[in-house]
Amino acid sequence: NTPFPLSVLLQVGFFPSECVELINDKVPQSVTNSVPKPVSKKHGKLITFLRTFMKSRPTKQKLKQRGILKERVFGCDLGEHLLNSGHDVPQVLKSCTEFIEKHGIVDGIYRLSGIASNIQKLRHEFDSEQIPDLTKDIYIQDIHCVGSLCKLYFRELPNPLLTYQLYEKFSDAVSAATDEERLVKIHDVIQQLPPPHYR
């Protein structure tokens, strides 16, 4: 059917379109899948490099010892934070509540807000794994910033203190008809909190 001999077409390097038939659709899928795809030298080197890199990565503990990795305090899951810090209760809450018990028994301690710059300063110190000296004049004169910091910590928990999972049960408990029934139901739901949240 071709106007030229096949040898001439091969030398020239093209076939007339009417002489060409695509066979892709006729090749079984199992055959095309079984043909290994060639890996370039460059690609092979990259894979080797990535494997070596992943195997030689230092552990989280070593990074912490070197001071390269710092654990977040704010916005970190409560259980994860306590596991990493080795505490039963977050240090930020322990420090702040002890300070409030000693110096902050004033009207509106958790209602009124402190000065934003003082709150941010305290937050930064706790996030830098330091325990700030709350007895400094700047904090004694602005006791509300310590209460605000506690609220900020709770507000930024990814899973709230009373947990999303128990939200409906807490909601039902506080809607109980009598005070006595409400107290029993709330006590029951509190017992279901995960240990870090319960503590």
N, C-alpha and C. Protein backbone atom coordinates (compact mmCIF):
# COMPACT_ATOMS: atom_id res chain seq x y z
N ASN A 1 0.81 -1.22 0.00
CA ASN A 1 0.00 0.00 0.00
C ASN A 1 0.84 1.27 0.00
N THR A 2 2.14 1.18 0.31
CA THR A 2 2.95 2.40 0.41
C THR A 2 3.49 2.79 -0.95
N PRO A 3 3.59 4.10 -1.18
CA PRO A 3 4.13 4.54 -2.47
C PRO A 3 5.65 4.36 -2.55
N PHE A 4 6.33 4.18 -1.37
CA PHE A 4 7.78 4.00 -1.35
C PHE A 4 8.12 2.66 -0.73
N PRO A 5 9.28 2.06 -1.11
CA PRO A 5 9.70 0.83 -0.43
C PRO A 5 9.98 1.11 1.05
N LEU A 6 9.79 0.10 1.91
CA LEU A 6 9.97 0.24 3.35
C LEU A 6 11.37 0.69 3.71
N SER A 7 12.39 0.18 3.01
CA SER A 7 13.79 0.56 3.30
C SER A 7 14.01 2.04 3.13
N VAL A 8 13.37 2.65 2.12
CA VAL A 8 13.49 4.10 1.88
C VAL A 8 12.85 4.87 3.03
N LEU A 9 11.67 4.42 3.47
CA LEU A 9 10.96 5.10 4.56
C LEU A 9 11.77 5.06 5.84
N LEU A 10 12.40 3.93 6.15
CA LEU A 10 13.20 3.83 7.36
C LEU A 10 14.39 4.78 7.31
N GLN A 11 14.99 4.92 6.14
CA GLN A 11 16.14 5.82 6.02
C GLN A 11 15.72 7.27 6.16
N VAL A 12 14.60 7.62 5.54
CA VAL A 12 14.11 9.00 5.61
C VAL A 12 13.66 9.33 7.02
N GLY A 13 13.04 8.37 7.74
CA GLY A 13 12.70 8.57 9.14
C GLY A 13 11.25 8.93 9.39
N PHE A 14 10.37 8.76 8.41
CA PHE A 14 8.95 9.00 8.68
C PHE A 14 8.12 8.05 7.83
N PHE A 15 6.85 7.87 8.27
CA PHE A 15 5.90 7.06 7.51
C PHE A 15 4.72 7.94 7.16
N PRO A 16 4.16 7.74 6.01
CA PRO A 16 2.90 8.45 5.71
C PRO A 16 1.83 8.02 6.71
N SER A 17 0.98 8.95 7.11
CA SER A 17 0.01 8.69 8.17
C SER A 17 -0.92 7.52 7.84
N GLU A 18 -1.24 7.34 6.56
CA GLU A 18 -2.16 6.25 6.23
C GLU A 18 -1.52 4.86 6.39
N CYS A 19 -0.19 4.85 6.53
CA CYS A 19 0.51 3.56 6.70
C CYS A 19 0.79 3.22 8.17
N VAL A 20 0.46 4.16 9.06
CA VAL A 20 0.80 3.97 10.47
C VAL A 20 -0.46 3.57 11.24
N GLU A 21 -0.33 2.54 12.07
CA GLU A 21 -1.45 2.12 12.92
C GLU A 21 -0.97 2.13 14.37
N LEU A 22 -1.70 2.85 15.24
CA LEU A 22 -1.35 2.89 16.66
C LEU A 22 -1.76 1.59 17.32
N ILE A 23 -0.83 0.99 18.07
CA ILE A 23 -1.13 -0.31 18.69
C ILE A 23 -1.25 -0.22 20.21
N ASN A 24 -1.12 0.99 20.79
CA ASN A 24 -1.18 1.14 22.26
C ASN A 24 -2.41 0.50 22.86
N ASP A 25 -3.57 0.72 22.23
CA ASP A 25 -4.82 0.22 22.79
C ASP A 25 -4.90 -1.30 22.75
N LYS A 26 -4.12 -1.93 21.85
CA LYS A 26 -4.19 -3.37 21.69
C LYS A 26 -3.21 -4.12 22.60
N VAL A 27 -2.28 -3.40 23.23
CA VAL A 27 -1.31 -4.05 24.11
C VAL A 27 -1.95 -4.26 25.47
N PRO A 28 -1.91 -5.52 25.99
CA PRO A 28 -2.53 -5.78 27.30
C PRO A 28 -1.89 -4.93 28.40
N GLN A 29 -2.71 -4.50 29.39
CA GLN A 29 -2.27 -3.66 30.50
C GLN A 29 -1.15 -4.34 31.30
N SER A 30 -1.24 -5.66 31.47
CA SER A 30 -0.24 -6.40 32.26
C SER A 30 1.14 -6.28 31.64
N VAL A 31 1.21 -6.21 30.30
CA VAL A 31 2.51 -6.10 29.62
C VAL A 31 3.10 -4.72 29.84
N THR A 32 2.28 -3.67 29.67
CA THR A 32 2.81 -2.30 29.82
C THR A 32 3.22 -2.03 31.26
N ASN A 33 2.50 -2.61 32.24
CA ASN A 33 2.84 -2.39 33.66
C ASN A 33 4.09 -3.13 34.08
N SER A 34 4.37 -4.26 33.41
CA SER A 34 5.52 -5.08 33.83
C SER A 34 6.84 -4.53 33.33
N VAL A 35 6.80 -3.60 32.37
CA VAL A 35 8.05 -3.05 31.84
C VAL A 35 8.60 -2.06 32.86
N PRO A 36 9.82 -2.31 33.37
CA PRO A 36 10.37 -1.39 34.38
C PRO A 36 10.71 -0.05 33.76
N LYS A 37 10.39 1.01 34.49
CA LYS A 37 10.72 2.35 34.02
C LYS A 37 12.18 2.63 34.34
N PRO A 38 12.91 3.14 33.37
CA PRO A 38 14.34 3.38 33.62
C PRO A 38 14.54 4.48 34.65
N VAL A 39 15.50 4.29 35.54
CA VAL A 39 15.82 5.28 36.56
C VAL A 39 17.11 5.96 36.14
N SER A 40 17.05 7.28 36.00
CA SER A 40 18.26 7.99 35.60
C SER A 40 19.27 7.97 36.73
N LYS A 41 20.53 8.18 36.37
CA LYS A 41 21.60 8.20 37.39
C LYS A 41 21.31 9.27 38.42
N LYS A 42 20.87 10.41 37.93
CA LYS A 42 20.58 11.55 38.82
C LYS A 42 19.50 11.17 39.83
N HIS A 43 18.44 10.53 39.33
CA HIS A 43 17.31 10.14 40.19
C HIS A 43 17.76 9.10 41.23
N GLY A 44 18.58 8.16 40.77
CA GLY A 44 19.11 7.13 41.67
C GLY A 44 19.94 7.72 42.78
N LYS A 45 20.76 8.73 42.46
CA LYS A 45 21.60 9.40 43.46
C LYS A 45 20.72 10.13 44.48
N LEU A 46 19.64 10.74 43.98
CA LEU A 46 18.73 11.48 44.87
C LEU A 46 18.07 10.53 45.86
N ILE A 47 17.62 9.38 45.38
CA ILE A 47 16.99 8.39 46.27
C ILE A 47 17.98 7.93 47.33
N THR A 48 19.22 7.64 46.90
CA THR A 48 20.26 7.20 47.85
C THR A 48 20.52 8.27 48.89
N PHE A 49 20.61 9.53 48.44
CA PHE A 49 20.85 10.65 49.37
C PHE A 49 19.72 10.76 50.39
N LEU A 50 18.47 10.67 49.91
CA LEU A 50 17.32 10.80 50.81
C LEU A 50 17.28 9.66 51.83
N ARG A 51 17.59 8.44 51.39
CA ARG A 51 17.62 7.30 52.32
C ARG A 51 18.67 7.53 53.40
N THR A 52 19.87 7.95 52.98
CA THR A 52 20.96 8.21 53.93
C THR A 52 20.57 9.32 54.90
N PHE A 53 19.95 10.39 54.36
CA PHE A 53 19.56 11.53 55.17
C PHE A 53 18.54 11.11 56.23
N MET A 54 17.54 10.33 55.81
CA MET A 54 16.48 9.92 56.74
C MET A 54 17.03 9.00 57.84
N LYS A 55 17.98 8.12 57.47
CA LYS A 55 18.55 7.20 58.46
C LYS A 55 19.46 7.92 59.45
N SER A 56 20.12 8.99 58.98
CA SER A 56 21.10 9.66 59.85
C SER A 56 20.50 10.83 60.63
N ARG A 57 19.19 11.04 60.53
CA ARG A 57 18.56 12.15 61.26
C ARG A 57 18.69 11.94 62.75
N PRO A 58 19.09 12.99 63.50
CA PRO A 58 19.18 12.85 64.96
C PRO A 58 17.78 12.72 65.58
N THR A 59 17.72 12.08 66.73
CA THR A 59 16.43 11.90 67.41
C THR A 59 15.97 13.23 68.00
N LYS A 60 14.70 13.27 68.33
CA LYS A 60 14.11 14.47 68.94
C LYS A 60 14.85 14.81 70.24
N GLN A 61 15.19 13.76 71.00
CA GLN A 61 15.87 13.95 72.28
C GLN A 61 17.23 14.62 72.09
N LYS A 62 18.00 14.17 71.06
CA LYS A 62 19.32 14.75 70.79
C LYS A 62 19.20 16.21 70.37
N LEU A 63 18.19 16.50 69.55
CA LEU A 63 17.97 17.88 69.11
C LEU A 63 17.64 18.78 70.29
N LYS A 64 16.86 18.25 71.24
CA LYS A 64 16.52 19.02 72.45
C LYS A 64 17.76 19.26 73.30
N GLN A 65 18.61 18.22 73.43
CA GLN A 65 19.84 18.36 74.24
C GLN A 65 20.76 19.42 73.66
N ARG A 66 20.82 19.49 72.33
CA ARG A 66 21.68 20.49 71.67
C ARG A 66 21.07 21.89 71.68
N GLY A 67 19.83 21.97 72.09
CA GLY A 67 19.16 23.28 72.13
C GLY A 67 18.63 23.71 70.78
N ILE A 68 18.62 22.78 69.80
CA ILE A 68 18.13 23.11 68.45
C ILE A 68 16.60 23.08 68.43
N LEU A 69 16.05 22.07 69.09
CA LEU A 69 14.59 21.91 69.11
C LEU A 69 14.03 22.32 70.47
N LYS A 70 13.03 23.19 70.42
CA LYS A 70 12.36 23.59 71.66
C LYS A 70 10.91 23.15 71.56
N GLU A 71 10.42 22.61 72.65
CA GLU A 71 9.02 22.18 72.68
C GLU A 71 8.13 23.40 72.84
N ARG A 72 7.07 23.44 72.06
CA ARG A 72 6.10 24.53 72.23
C ARG A 72 5.31 24.28 73.49
N VAL A 73 4.84 25.36 74.09
CA VAL A 73 3.98 25.26 75.27
C VAL A 73 2.56 25.64 74.85
N PHE A 74 2.42 26.78 74.22
CA PHE A 74 1.11 27.27 73.79
C PHE A 74 0.73 26.65 72.45
N GLY A 75 -0.53 26.26 72.33
CA GLY A 75 -1.01 25.71 71.06
C GLY A 75 -0.60 24.27 70.82
N CYS A 76 -0.05 23.62 71.84
CA CYS A 76 0.40 22.22 71.71
C CYS A 76 -0.61 21.32 72.42
N ASP A 77 -0.83 20.14 71.87
CA ASP A 77 -1.76 19.19 72.49
C ASP A 77 -1.33 18.93 73.94
N LEU A 78 -2.28 18.94 74.86
CA LEU A 78 -1.99 18.83 76.29
C LEU A 78 -1.25 17.53 76.63
N GLY A 79 -1.77 16.40 76.14
CA GLY A 79 -1.13 15.11 76.41
C GLY A 79 0.28 15.03 75.86
N GLU A 80 0.45 15.52 74.62
CA GLU A 80 1.78 15.51 73.97
C GLU A 80 2.76 16.39 74.73
N HIS A 81 2.29 17.57 75.13
CA HIS A 81 3.16 18.51 75.86
C HIS A 81 3.62 17.90 77.19
N LEU A 82 2.70 17.28 77.92
CA LEU A 82 3.06 16.70 79.22
C LEU A 82 4.00 15.51 79.04
N LEU A 83 3.80 14.74 77.99
CA LEU A 83 4.66 13.60 77.70
C LEU A 83 6.09 14.08 77.42
N ASN A 84 6.21 15.14 76.63
CA ASN A 84 7.53 15.67 76.26
C ASN A 84 8.22 16.37 77.43
N SER A 85 7.42 17.04 78.28
CA SER A 85 8.01 17.81 79.38
C SER A 85 8.24 16.96 80.62
N GLY A 86 7.52 15.84 80.73
CA GLY A 86 7.66 14.98 81.91
C GLY A 86 6.91 15.49 83.12
N HIS A 87 6.03 16.48 82.95
CA HIS A 87 5.23 17.02 84.06
C HIS A 87 3.85 16.39 84.09
N ASP A 88 3.21 16.48 85.27
CA ASP A 88 1.82 16.02 85.41
C ASP A 88 0.85 17.11 85.00
N VAL A 89 1.26 18.36 85.23
CA VAL A 89 0.45 19.54 84.93
C VAL A 89 1.39 20.52 84.22
N PRO A 90 0.93 21.24 83.20
CA PRO A 90 1.81 22.18 82.51
C PRO A 90 2.44 23.19 83.48
N GLN A 91 3.74 23.43 83.31
CA GLN A 91 4.47 24.35 84.18
C GLN A 91 3.87 25.75 84.16
N VAL A 92 3.40 26.17 82.99
CA VAL A 92 2.82 27.51 82.86
C VAL A 92 1.62 27.66 83.80
N LEU A 93 0.78 26.62 83.89
CA LEU A 93 -0.40 26.69 84.76
C LEU A 93 0.00 26.60 86.23
N LYS A 94 0.97 25.75 86.51
CA LYS A 94 1.44 25.58 87.90
C LYS A 94 2.00 26.92 88.42
N SER A 95 2.89 27.54 87.64
CA SER A 95 3.51 28.81 88.06
C SER A 95 2.47 29.91 88.23
N CYS A 96 1.58 30.02 87.24
CA CYS A 96 0.59 31.10 87.26
C CYS A 96 -0.42 30.93 88.39
N THR A 97 -0.90 29.71 88.61
CA THR A 97 -1.91 29.51 89.66
C THR A 97 -1.31 29.70 91.05
N GLU A 98 -0.06 29.26 91.24
CA GLU A 98 0.61 29.48 92.53
C GLU A 98 0.77 30.98 92.80
N PHE A 99 1.15 31.72 91.76
CA PHE A 99 1.31 33.17 91.88
C PHE A 99 -0.04 33.83 92.22
N ILE A 100 -1.10 33.41 91.53
CA ILE A 100 -2.43 34.00 91.75
C ILE A 100 -2.94 33.69 93.16
N GLU A 101 -2.71 32.46 93.62
CA GLU A 101 -3.11 32.09 94.99
C GLU A 101 -2.42 32.97 96.02
N LYS A 102 -1.17 33.33 95.73
CA LYS A 102 -0.38 34.11 96.70
C LYS A 102 -0.62 35.61 96.59
N HIS A 103 -0.74 36.13 95.35
CA HIS A 103 -0.78 37.59 95.16
C HIS A 103 -2.07 38.10 94.50
N GLY A 104 -2.83 37.20 93.89
CA GLY A 104 -3.88 37.70 93.00
C GLY A 104 -5.30 37.53 93.46
N ILE A 105 -5.53 37.40 94.76
CA ILE A 105 -6.91 37.26 95.22
C ILE A 105 -7.54 38.66 95.26
N VAL A 106 -7.90 39.10 94.05
CA VAL A 106 -8.53 40.43 93.89
C VAL A 106 -9.76 40.25 93.01
N ASP A 107 -10.63 41.24 93.03
CA ASP A 107 -11.85 41.17 92.21
C ASP A 107 -11.49 41.07 90.73
N GLY A 108 -12.16 40.17 90.04
CA GLY A 108 -12.01 40.08 88.58
C GLY A 108 -10.68 39.55 88.09
N ILE A 109 -10.00 38.71 88.90
CA ILE A 109 -8.67 38.24 88.50
C ILE A 109 -8.71 37.52 87.14
N TYR A 110 -9.77 36.73 86.90
CA TYR A 110 -9.88 36.03 85.61
C TYR A 110 -10.84 36.73 84.64
N ARG A 111 -11.43 37.84 85.10
CA ARG A 111 -12.38 38.56 84.26
C ARG A 111 -11.71 39.72 83.53
N LEU A 112 -10.86 40.47 84.27
CA LEU A 112 -10.20 41.62 83.67
C LEU A 112 -8.93 41.18 82.94
N SER A 113 -8.60 41.89 81.87
CA SER A 113 -7.41 41.55 81.07
C SER A 113 -6.20 42.33 81.56
N GLY A 114 -5.03 41.70 81.40
CA GLY A 114 -3.78 42.36 81.72
C GLY A 114 -3.28 43.16 80.52
N ILE A 115 -2.12 43.79 80.68
CA ILE A 115 -1.52 44.57 79.59
C ILE A 115 -0.96 43.58 78.55
N ALA A 116 -1.32 43.80 77.28
CA ALA A 116 -0.97 42.85 76.21
C ALA A 116 0.54 42.59 76.12
N SER A 117 1.36 43.64 76.27
CA SER A 117 2.82 43.45 76.14
C SER A 117 3.36 42.55 77.26
N ASN A 118 2.78 42.67 78.46
CA ASN A 118 3.20 41.81 79.59
C ASN A 118 2.80 40.35 79.35
N ILE A 119 1.60 40.16 78.80
CA ILE A 119 1.12 38.81 78.50
C ILE A 119 2.03 38.16 77.46
N GLN A 120 2.37 38.91 76.41
CA GLN A 120 3.23 38.37 75.35
C GLN A 120 4.63 38.07 75.86
N LYS A 121 5.13 38.92 76.75
CA LYS A 121 6.46 38.70 77.34
C LYS A 121 6.48 37.39 78.13
N LEU A 122 5.45 37.18 78.94
CA LEU A 122 5.35 35.94 79.72
C LEU A 122 5.20 34.72 78.80
N ARG A 123 4.36 34.86 77.81
CA ARG A 123 4.16 33.76 76.85
C ARG A 123 5.48 33.36 76.20
N HIS A 124 6.24 34.36 75.76
CA HIS A 124 7.52 34.10 75.09
C HIS A 124 8.48 33.36 76.03
N GLU A 125 8.52 33.78 77.28
CA GLU A 125 9.43 33.14 78.24
C GLU A 125 9.05 31.67 78.47
N PHE A 126 7.76 31.40 78.64
CA PHE A 126 7.33 30.00 78.83
C PHE A 126 7.58 29.18 77.57
N ASP A 127 7.33 29.77 76.39
CA ASP A 127 7.58 29.06 75.13
C ASP A 127 9.07 28.80 74.90
N SER A 128 9.93 29.61 75.54
CA SER A 128 11.38 29.42 75.43
C SER A 128 11.91 28.48 76.50
N GLU A 129 11.00 27.75 77.14
CA GLU A 129 11.33 26.77 78.19
C GLU A 129 12.00 27.42 79.39
N GLN A 130 11.63 28.67 79.67
CA GLN A 130 12.11 29.35 80.87
C GLN A 130 10.94 29.48 81.83
N ILE A 131 11.26 29.58 83.11
CA ILE A 131 10.20 29.86 84.10
C ILE A 131 10.41 31.29 84.56
N PRO A 132 9.58 32.20 84.10
CA PRO A 132 9.80 33.61 84.44
C PRO A 132 9.58 33.89 85.92
N ASP A 133 10.26 34.92 86.39
CA ASP A 133 10.10 35.35 87.78
C ASP A 133 8.87 36.24 87.85
N LEU A 134 7.76 35.67 88.33
CA LEU A 134 6.50 36.41 88.37
C LEU A 134 6.45 37.43 89.51
N THR A 135 7.46 37.41 90.39
CA THR A 135 7.46 38.37 91.50
C THR A 135 8.09 39.70 91.10
N LYS A 136 8.49 39.85 89.84
CA LYS A 136 9.02 41.14 89.38
C LYS A 136 7.92 42.20 89.49
N ASP A 137 8.33 43.42 89.73
CA ASP A 137 7.36 44.52 89.88
C ASP A 137 6.40 44.62 88.70
N ILE A 138 6.93 44.38 87.50
CA ILE A 138 6.10 44.54 86.30
C ILE A 138 4.87 43.62 86.35
N TYR A 139 5.02 42.43 86.95
CA TYR A 139 3.91 41.48 87.03
C TYR A 139 3.08 41.68 88.30
N ILE A 140 3.74 42.05 89.39
CA ILE A 140 3.02 42.33 90.65
C ILE A 140 2.06 43.50 90.44
N GLN A 141 2.51 44.49 89.65
CA GLN A 141 1.67 45.67 89.39
C GLN A 141 0.60 45.39 88.34
N ASP A 142 0.76 44.29 87.58
CA ASP A 142 -0.23 43.91 86.57
C ASP A 142 -0.60 42.44 86.76
N ILE A 143 -1.19 42.15 87.93
CA ILE A 143 -1.55 40.77 88.29
C ILE A 143 -2.47 40.15 87.24
N HIS A 144 -3.29 40.98 86.60
CA HIS A 144 -4.26 40.45 85.63
C HIS A 144 -3.59 39.83 84.41
N CYS A 145 -2.33 40.20 84.12
CA CYS A 145 -1.65 39.61 82.96
C CYS A 145 -1.38 38.12 83.20
N VAL A 146 -1.21 37.74 84.46
CA VAL A 146 -0.97 36.32 84.79
C VAL A 146 -2.26 35.51 84.61
N GLY A 147 -3.37 36.07 85.06
CA GLY A 147 -4.68 35.43 84.84
C GLY A 147 -4.99 35.33 83.35
N SER A 148 -4.66 36.38 82.61
CA SER A 148 -4.89 36.39 81.16
C SER A 148 -4.05 35.33 80.46
N LEU A 149 -2.83 35.11 80.96
CA LEU A 149 -1.95 34.10 80.37
C LEU A 149 -2.55 32.70 80.54
N CYS A 150 -3.13 32.44 81.71
CA CYS A 150 -3.80 31.14 81.94
C CYS A 150 -4.93 30.95 80.94
N LYS A 151 -5.74 31.99 80.76
CA LYS A 151 -6.87 31.90 79.82
C LYS A 151 -6.36 31.68 78.40
N LEU A 152 -5.27 32.37 78.06
CA LEU A 152 -4.67 32.23 76.72
C LEU A 152 -4.21 30.79 76.49
N TYR A 153 -3.61 30.20 77.52
CA TYR A 153 -3.13 28.81 77.40
C TYR A 153 -4.30 27.87 77.08
N PHE A 154 -5.37 27.99 77.86
CA PHE A 154 -6.54 27.13 77.65
C PHE A 154 -7.19 27.39 76.29
N ARG A 155 -7.24 28.65 75.89
CA ARG A 155 -7.88 29.02 74.63
C ARG A 155 -7.14 28.42 73.43
N GLU A 156 -5.82 28.29 73.53
CA GLU A 156 -5.03 27.83 72.38
C GLU A 156 -4.83 26.31 72.34
N LEU A 157 -5.37 25.57 73.31
CA LEU A 157 -5.26 24.11 73.26
C LEU A 157 -5.97 23.60 72.00
N PRO A 158 -5.31 22.75 71.20
CA PRO A 158 -5.98 22.24 69.99
C PRO A 158 -7.25 21.45 70.33
N ASN A 159 -7.18 20.65 71.39
CA ASN A 159 -8.38 19.96 71.89
C ASN A 159 -8.66 20.57 73.26
N PRO A 160 -9.80 21.22 73.45
CA PRO A 160 -10.07 21.96 74.70
C PRO A 160 -9.91 21.09 75.95
N LEU A 161 -9.79 21.75 77.09
CA LEU A 161 -9.60 21.05 78.36
C LEU A 161 -10.71 20.02 78.58
N LEU A 162 -11.95 20.38 78.27
CA LEU A 162 -13.08 19.46 78.46
C LEU A 162 -13.33 18.60 77.23
N THR A 163 -12.48 18.65 76.27
CA THR A 163 -12.40 17.85 75.02
C THR A 163 -13.66 17.92 74.15
N TYR A 164 -13.39 17.93 72.84
CA TYR A 164 -14.49 17.92 71.86
C TYR A 164 -15.32 16.64 72.01
N GLN A 165 -14.64 15.54 72.32
CA GLN A 165 -15.32 14.24 72.39
C GLN A 165 -16.40 14.20 73.48
N LEU A 166 -16.19 14.95 74.57
CA LEU A 166 -17.16 14.93 75.68
C LEU A 166 -18.09 16.15 75.69
N TYR A 167 -18.00 16.96 74.64
CA TYR A 167 -18.77 18.21 74.60
C TYR A 167 -20.27 17.97 74.83
N GLU A 168 -20.85 17.01 74.10
CA GLU A 168 -22.30 16.74 74.21
C GLU A 168 -22.66 16.30 75.63
N LYS A 169 -21.82 15.48 76.23
CA LYS A 169 -22.11 14.98 77.58
C LYS A 169 -22.05 16.11 78.60
N PHE A 170 -21.06 17.02 78.47
CA PHE A 170 -21.00 18.18 79.37
C PHE A 170 -22.22 19.07 79.17
N SER A 171 -22.60 19.25 77.92
CA SER A 171 -23.76 20.08 77.60
C SER A 171 -25.03 19.51 78.23
N ASP A 172 -25.19 18.20 78.14
CA ASP A 172 -26.37 17.55 78.76
C ASP A 172 -26.31 17.68 80.28
N ALA A 173 -25.11 17.52 80.85
CA ALA A 173 -24.95 17.56 82.30
C ALA A 173 -25.35 18.92 82.88
N VAL A 174 -24.92 20.00 82.24
CA VAL A 174 -25.24 21.33 82.78
C VAL A 174 -26.69 21.71 82.53
N SER A 175 -27.37 20.96 81.67
CA SER A 175 -28.78 21.24 81.39
C SER A 175 -29.72 20.45 82.32
N ALA A 176 -29.16 19.70 83.27
CA ALA A 176 -29.99 18.89 84.18
C ALA A 176 -30.94 19.80 84.97
N ALA A 177 -32.08 19.22 85.36
CA ALA A 177 -33.16 19.99 85.99
C ALA A 177 -32.79 20.58 87.35
N THR A 178 -32.19 19.78 88.22
CA THR A 178 -31.89 20.26 89.58
C THR A 178 -30.38 20.37 89.79
N ASP A 179 -30.00 21.16 90.80
CA ASP A 179 -28.58 21.32 91.13
C ASP A 179 -27.94 19.99 91.49
N GLU A 180 -28.67 19.19 92.23
CA GLU A 180 -28.13 17.90 92.68
C GLU A 180 -27.86 16.98 91.49
N GLU A 181 -28.83 16.91 90.59
CA GLU A 181 -28.70 16.07 89.40
C GLU A 181 -27.56 16.58 88.51
N ARG A 182 -27.47 17.90 88.39
CA ARG A 182 -26.42 18.53 87.59
C ARG A 182 -25.04 18.16 88.14
N LEU A 183 -24.89 18.23 89.46
CA LEU A 183 -23.61 17.92 90.12
C LEU A 183 -23.20 16.47 89.87
N VAL A 184 -24.15 15.56 89.99
CA VAL A 184 -23.88 14.12 89.78
C VAL A 184 -23.44 13.88 88.33
N LYS A 185 -24.17 14.49 87.38
CA LYS A 185 -23.87 14.28 85.96
C LYS A 185 -22.52 14.88 85.58
N ILE A 186 -22.23 16.09 86.08
CA ILE A 186 -20.95 16.73 85.76
C ILE A 186 -19.80 15.89 86.34
N HIS A 187 -19.98 15.41 87.57
CA HIS A 187 -18.96 14.58 88.20
C HIS A 187 -18.70 13.32 87.36
N ASP A 188 -19.77 12.73 86.84
CA ASP A 188 -19.67 11.52 86.03
C ASP A 188 -18.88 11.79 84.75
N VAL A 189 -19.16 12.92 84.08
CA VAL A 189 -18.46 13.24 82.82
C VAL A 189 -16.99 13.57 83.09
N ILE A 190 -16.71 14.26 84.19
CA ILE A 190 -15.32 14.61 84.52
C ILE A 190 -14.47 13.34 84.68
N GLN A 191 -15.08 12.28 85.22
CA GLN A 191 -14.37 11.01 85.39
C GLN A 191 -13.97 10.40 84.04
N GLN A 192 -14.63 10.81 82.97
CA GLN A 192 -14.36 10.25 81.64
C GLN A 192 -13.26 11.01 80.88
N LEU A 193 -12.78 12.11 81.46
CA LEU A 193 -11.73 12.89 80.79
C LEU A 193 -10.44 12.07 80.68
N PRO A 194 -9.65 12.27 79.61
CA PRO A 194 -8.35 11.61 79.52
C PRO A 194 -7.48 12.09 80.70
N PRO A 195 -6.57 11.24 81.23
CA PRO A 195 -5.78 11.61 82.42
C PRO A 195 -5.12 12.99 82.39
N PRO A 196 -4.46 13.42 81.28
CA PRO A 196 -3.84 14.76 81.30
C PRO A 196 -4.87 15.86 81.52
N HIS A 197 -6.03 15.72 80.90
CA HIS A 197 -7.10 16.72 81.03
C HIS A 197 -7.73 16.65 82.41
N TYR A 198 -7.88 15.44 82.95
CA TYR A 198 -8.47 15.26 84.26
C TYR A 198 -7.59 15.90 85.34
N ARG A 199 -6.28 15.68 85.26
CA ARG A 199 -5.36 16.27 86.25
C ARG A 199 -5.42 17.78 86.22
